[in-house]
Protein backbone atom coordinates (compact mmCIF):
# COMPACT_ATOMS: atom_id res chain seq x y z
CA UNK A 1 174.48 63.93 207.47
CA UNK A 2 173.98 62.25 204.11
CA UNK A 3 177.65 61.16 204.00
CA UNK A 4 177.26 59.49 207.43
CA UNK A 5 174.16 57.55 206.30
CA UNK A 6 175.96 56.38 203.16
CA UNK A 7 178.85 55.06 205.27
CA UNK A 8 176.42 53.09 207.47
CA UNK A 9 174.76 51.47 204.44
CA UNK A 10 178.18 50.69 202.98
CA UNK A 11 179.25 48.87 206.15
CA UNK A 12 175.97 46.89 206.21
CA UNK A 13 176.38 45.80 202.58
CA UNK A 14 179.97 44.66 203.26
CA UNK A 15 178.75 42.58 206.24
CA UNK A 16 175.99 40.93 204.20
CA UNK A 17 178.45 40.04 201.39
CA UNK A 18 180.88 38.53 203.91
CA UNK A 19 178.08 36.41 205.43
CA UNK A 20 177.01 35.13 202.00
CA UNK A 21 180.57 34.19 201.10
CA UNK A 22 181.00 32.28 204.39
CA UNK A 23 177.71 30.39 203.84
CA UNK A 24 178.69 29.34 200.33
CA UNK A 25 182.13 28.15 201.43
CA UNK A 26 180.68 26.09 204.32
CA UNK A 27 178.20 24.37 202.00
CA UNK A 28 180.99 23.37 199.63
CA UNK A 29 183.03 21.98 202.52
CA UNK A 30 180.10 19.97 204.05
CA UNK A 31 179.04 18.28 200.81
CA UNK A 32 182.10 15.98 200.57
CA UNK A 33 181.73 15.06 204.23
CA UNK A 34 178.07 14.09 203.75
CA UNK A 35 178.94 12.08 200.67
CA UNK A 36 181.65 10.21 202.57
CA UNK A 37 179.26 9.46 205.43
CA UNK A 38 176.64 8.16 202.99
CA UNK A 39 179.19 5.92 201.30
CA UNK A 40 180.16 4.52 204.70
CA UNK A 41 176.54 3.65 205.46
CA UNK A 42 176.13 1.93 202.09
CA UNK A 43 179.26 -0.13 202.71
CA UNK A 44 177.88 -1.29 206.08
CA UNK A 45 174.61 -2.26 204.44
CA UNK A 46 176.41 -4.19 201.71
CA UNK A 47 178.45 -6.07 204.29
CA UNK A 48 175.27 -7.11 206.10
CA UNK A 49 175.89 -4.79 209.00
CA UNK A 50 173.56 -2.26 210.57
CA UNK A 51 173.98 1.06 212.24
CA UNK A 52 171.60 -0.01 215.02
CA UNK A 53 171.73 -3.63 216.12
CA UNK A 54 169.33 -3.98 219.09
CA UNK A 55 169.36 -7.25 221.01
CA UNK A 56 165.68 -8.23 221.20
CA UNK A 57 164.89 -11.45 223.04
CA UNK A 58 162.14 -13.42 221.36
CA UNK A 59 159.59 -15.01 223.68
CA UNK A 60 157.40 -17.97 222.89
CA UNK A 61 153.66 -17.37 223.13
CA UNK A 62 151.46 -20.34 224.00
CA UNK A 63 148.06 -20.11 222.38
CA UNK A 64 145.22 -21.49 224.46
CA UNK A 65 142.97 -23.96 222.72
CA UNK A 66 139.61 -22.51 221.65
CA UNK A 67 136.67 -24.43 223.06
CA UNK A 68 134.43 -25.92 220.41
CA UNK A 69 131.73 -27.50 222.58
CA UNK A 70 128.37 -27.10 220.81
CA UNK A 71 126.22 -29.46 222.88
CA UNK A 72 124.59 -28.40 226.13
CA UNK A 73 122.72 -30.66 228.54
CA UNK A 74 121.26 -30.20 232.00
CA UNK A 75 118.35 -30.52 234.41
CA UNK A 76 115.89 -27.91 235.57
CA UNK A 77 113.42 -27.28 238.35
CA UNK A 78 110.54 -24.85 238.39
CA UNK A 79 106.84 -24.13 238.79
CA UNK A 80 104.12 -24.43 236.17
CA UNK A 81 100.63 -23.01 236.37
CA UNK A 82 98.27 -25.56 234.81
CA UNK A 83 95.15 -23.70 233.77
CA UNK A 84 92.22 -24.44 236.13
CA UNK A 85 94.45 -26.76 238.21
CA UNK A 86 96.70 -24.37 240.09
CA UNK A 87 100.50 -24.35 240.30
CA UNK A 88 102.68 -27.44 240.64
CA UNK A 89 106.39 -28.19 240.97
CA UNK A 90 108.04 -29.14 237.70
CA UNK A 91 111.16 -31.20 237.02
CA UNK A 92 112.73 -31.70 233.64
CA UNK A 93 115.77 -32.09 231.41
CA UNK A 94 116.98 -30.10 228.45
CA UNK A 95 119.50 -30.61 225.67
CA UNK A 96 120.59 -28.03 223.12
CA UNK A 97 122.80 -27.85 220.07
CA UNK A 98 124.36 -24.45 219.33
CA UNK A 99 124.38 -24.08 215.56
CA UNK A 100 126.07 -20.66 215.61
CA UNK A 101 126.80 -18.01 218.21
CA UNK A 102 123.29 -16.62 217.65
CA UNK A 103 121.09 -19.68 217.03
CA UNK A 104 120.55 -22.95 218.86
CA UNK A 105 118.09 -25.84 218.78
CA UNK A 106 116.75 -27.14 222.10
CA UNK A 107 114.71 -30.11 223.20
CA UNK A 108 113.13 -30.31 226.66
CA UNK A 109 111.02 -32.75 228.64
CA UNK A 110 109.31 -32.12 231.99
CA UNK A 111 106.68 -33.68 234.21
CA UNK A 112 104.59 -32.92 237.27
CA UNK A 113 101.28 -33.81 238.92
CA UNK A 114 98.29 -31.49 238.63
CA UNK A 115 96.39 -30.47 241.74
CA UNK A 116 92.67 -29.97 242.25
CA UNK A 117 90.79 -27.68 239.92
CA UNK A 118 88.81 -24.70 241.19
CA UNK A 119 85.62 -26.57 240.29
CA UNK A 120 86.65 -29.53 242.45
CA UNK A 121 87.50 -27.24 245.37
CA UNK A 122 84.09 -25.62 245.23
CA UNK A 123 82.29 -28.97 244.92
CA UNK A 124 84.00 -31.28 247.36
CA UNK A 125 82.31 -34.46 246.13
CA UNK A 126 83.11 -33.92 242.46
CA UNK A 127 86.21 -35.57 240.97
CA UNK A 128 87.14 -34.57 237.43
CA UNK A 129 90.34 -36.58 237.01
CA UNK A 130 91.79 -39.75 238.44
CA UNK A 131 95.26 -39.82 239.98
CA UNK A 132 96.66 -41.27 236.76
CA UNK A 133 95.02 -38.57 234.64
CA UNK A 134 96.56 -35.88 236.81
CA UNK A 135 100.02 -36.89 235.65
CA UNK A 136 101.21 -34.02 233.49
CA UNK A 137 104.17 -34.01 231.07
CA UNK A 138 105.24 -32.09 228.02
CA UNK A 139 107.95 -32.32 225.36
CA UNK A 140 109.10 -29.45 223.14
CA UNK A 141 111.57 -28.87 220.33
CA UNK A 142 112.34 -25.18 219.99
CA UNK A 143 114.55 -22.72 218.16
CA UNK A 144 116.49 -20.25 220.28
CA UNK A 145 117.94 -16.90 219.30
CA UNK A 146 120.48 -14.95 221.39
CA UNK A 147 119.32 -11.35 221.22
CA UNK A 148 121.44 -9.60 223.86
CA UNK A 149 124.83 -11.26 224.42
CA UNK A 150 126.99 -9.50 226.98
CA UNK A 151 128.41 -9.82 230.50
CA UNK A 152 126.92 -10.18 233.96
CA UNK A 153 128.74 -8.63 236.91
CA UNK A 154 128.95 -9.71 240.54
CA UNK A 155 130.60 -6.91 242.48
CA UNK A 156 133.44 -4.95 240.94
CA UNK A 157 135.83 -7.79 240.09
CA UNK A 158 133.74 -10.74 238.81
CA UNK A 159 132.32 -10.72 235.29
CA UNK A 160 130.62 -13.62 233.51
CA UNK A 161 129.53 -14.11 229.92
CA UNK A 162 125.75 -13.87 229.67
CA UNK A 163 123.02 -13.80 227.08
CA UNK A 164 119.32 -12.99 226.84
CA UNK A 165 117.55 -15.31 224.39
CA UNK A 166 114.14 -15.99 222.86
CA UNK A 167 112.50 -19.39 222.35
CA UNK A 168 109.72 -20.66 220.11
CA UNK A 169 108.81 -24.23 219.31
CA UNK A 170 106.34 -27.07 218.93
CA UNK A 171 105.68 -30.11 221.06
CA UNK A 172 103.05 -32.13 222.86
CA UNK A 173 101.38 -32.09 226.26
CA UNK A 174 100.12 -35.23 227.94
CA UNK A 175 97.38 -34.40 230.45
CA UNK A 176 93.96 -35.69 231.50
CA UNK A 177 94.59 -38.95 229.67
CA UNK A 178 95.14 -37.31 226.28
CA UNK A 179 98.10 -36.06 224.28
CA UNK A 180 97.70 -32.65 222.71
CA UNK A 181 99.76 -30.66 220.21
CA UNK A 182 101.39 -27.68 221.88
CA UNK A 183 102.86 -24.35 220.82
CA UNK A 184 105.53 -22.93 223.11
CA UNK A 185 106.98 -19.41 223.27
CA UNK A 186 109.31 -17.97 225.86
CA UNK A 187 112.74 -16.69 226.67
CA UNK A 188 115.55 -16.94 229.15
CA UNK A 189 118.73 -15.55 230.59
CA UNK A 190 121.94 -17.61 230.48
CA UNK A 191 125.06 -17.02 232.59
CA UNK A 192 128.28 -18.96 231.87
CA UNK A 193 130.35 -19.36 235.03
CA UNK A 194 133.07 -21.23 233.09
CA UNK A 195 133.48 -22.35 229.49
CA UNK A 196 131.58 -25.57 230.29
CA UNK A 197 129.10 -24.71 233.10
CA UNK A 198 126.05 -22.42 232.84
CA UNK A 199 122.89 -21.42 234.65
CA UNK A 200 119.54 -20.52 233.02
CA UNK A 201 116.51 -18.59 234.19
CA UNK A 202 113.69 -19.48 231.80
CA UNK A 203 110.09 -18.40 231.24
CA UNK A 204 107.87 -20.41 228.89
CA UNK A 205 104.20 -20.37 227.92
CA UNK A 206 102.49 -23.50 226.57
CA UNK A 207 99.32 -23.28 224.44
CA UNK A 208 97.11 -26.30 223.62
CA UNK A 209 93.42 -27.08 223.13
CA UNK A 210 91.59 -28.92 225.91
CA UNK A 211 88.01 -29.92 226.72
CA UNK A 212 87.19 -31.02 230.26
CA UNK A 213 83.95 -29.32 231.34
CA UNK A 214 82.00 -29.75 228.13
CA UNK A 215 83.47 -26.73 226.33
CA UNK A 216 86.65 -26.56 224.27
CA UNK A 217 89.20 -23.87 224.97
CA UNK A 218 92.89 -23.08 224.58
CA UNK A 219 94.83 -23.72 227.77
CA UNK A 220 97.64 -21.37 228.70
CA UNK A 221 100.21 -22.98 231.02
CA UNK A 222 102.92 -20.59 232.23
CA UNK A 223 106.23 -22.10 233.40
CA UNK A 224 109.20 -20.53 235.18
CA UNK A 225 112.32 -22.56 235.95
CA UNK A 226 115.98 -22.56 236.84
CA UNK A 227 118.41 -24.98 235.21
CA UNK A 228 122.09 -25.86 235.38
CA UNK A 229 123.77 -27.16 232.24
CA UNK A 230 127.15 -28.35 231.04
CA UNK A 231 128.77 -28.08 227.60
CA UNK A 232 130.46 -31.00 225.88
């Protein structure tokens, strides 16, 4: 039994030695072939050739011009609640200069005619203001800040650039025959339909001191409007 096991191990050792010899001989044979192939590649590189020479067609890309319009101008229409005199239709114009993508400076002018006050309605024979004194106008210069730039969607396919912004500024209000310094705060929502045409929804509040019925107070005139503007 032991002699049979020794014969088996002897055959296995002979097979392993034959495999090692064959591996060594194949490595010696392949080395010259690899060296020759490498030399051939170097010669192609020296001659300016390439193993792979793909034919790639270059296409010309036309870059669209970037719009640089910073000025914005337009007209607006809305309603203003004049304290103690009810609500009136308001018409105005606005012009803005966009300093950066986040900040802009805006000037606006609007006018309307005030209605009857609550005191005049209760006392039919009492007239507080003449027709000329009921002419109402205000002018403001304000600083705007875009707080939420993004996109507005109409349906699934249409998307427009939009922005929510804040406004604060100073100006003057001409009413009841006098011109008064005014503080204005507000905000708006802007939608750009194209790179030169936009729509605004704006809410503003105007604060100024007034004295009509013998006591001074701070008037609070709230204005809401819609405007259409163009960039140039």
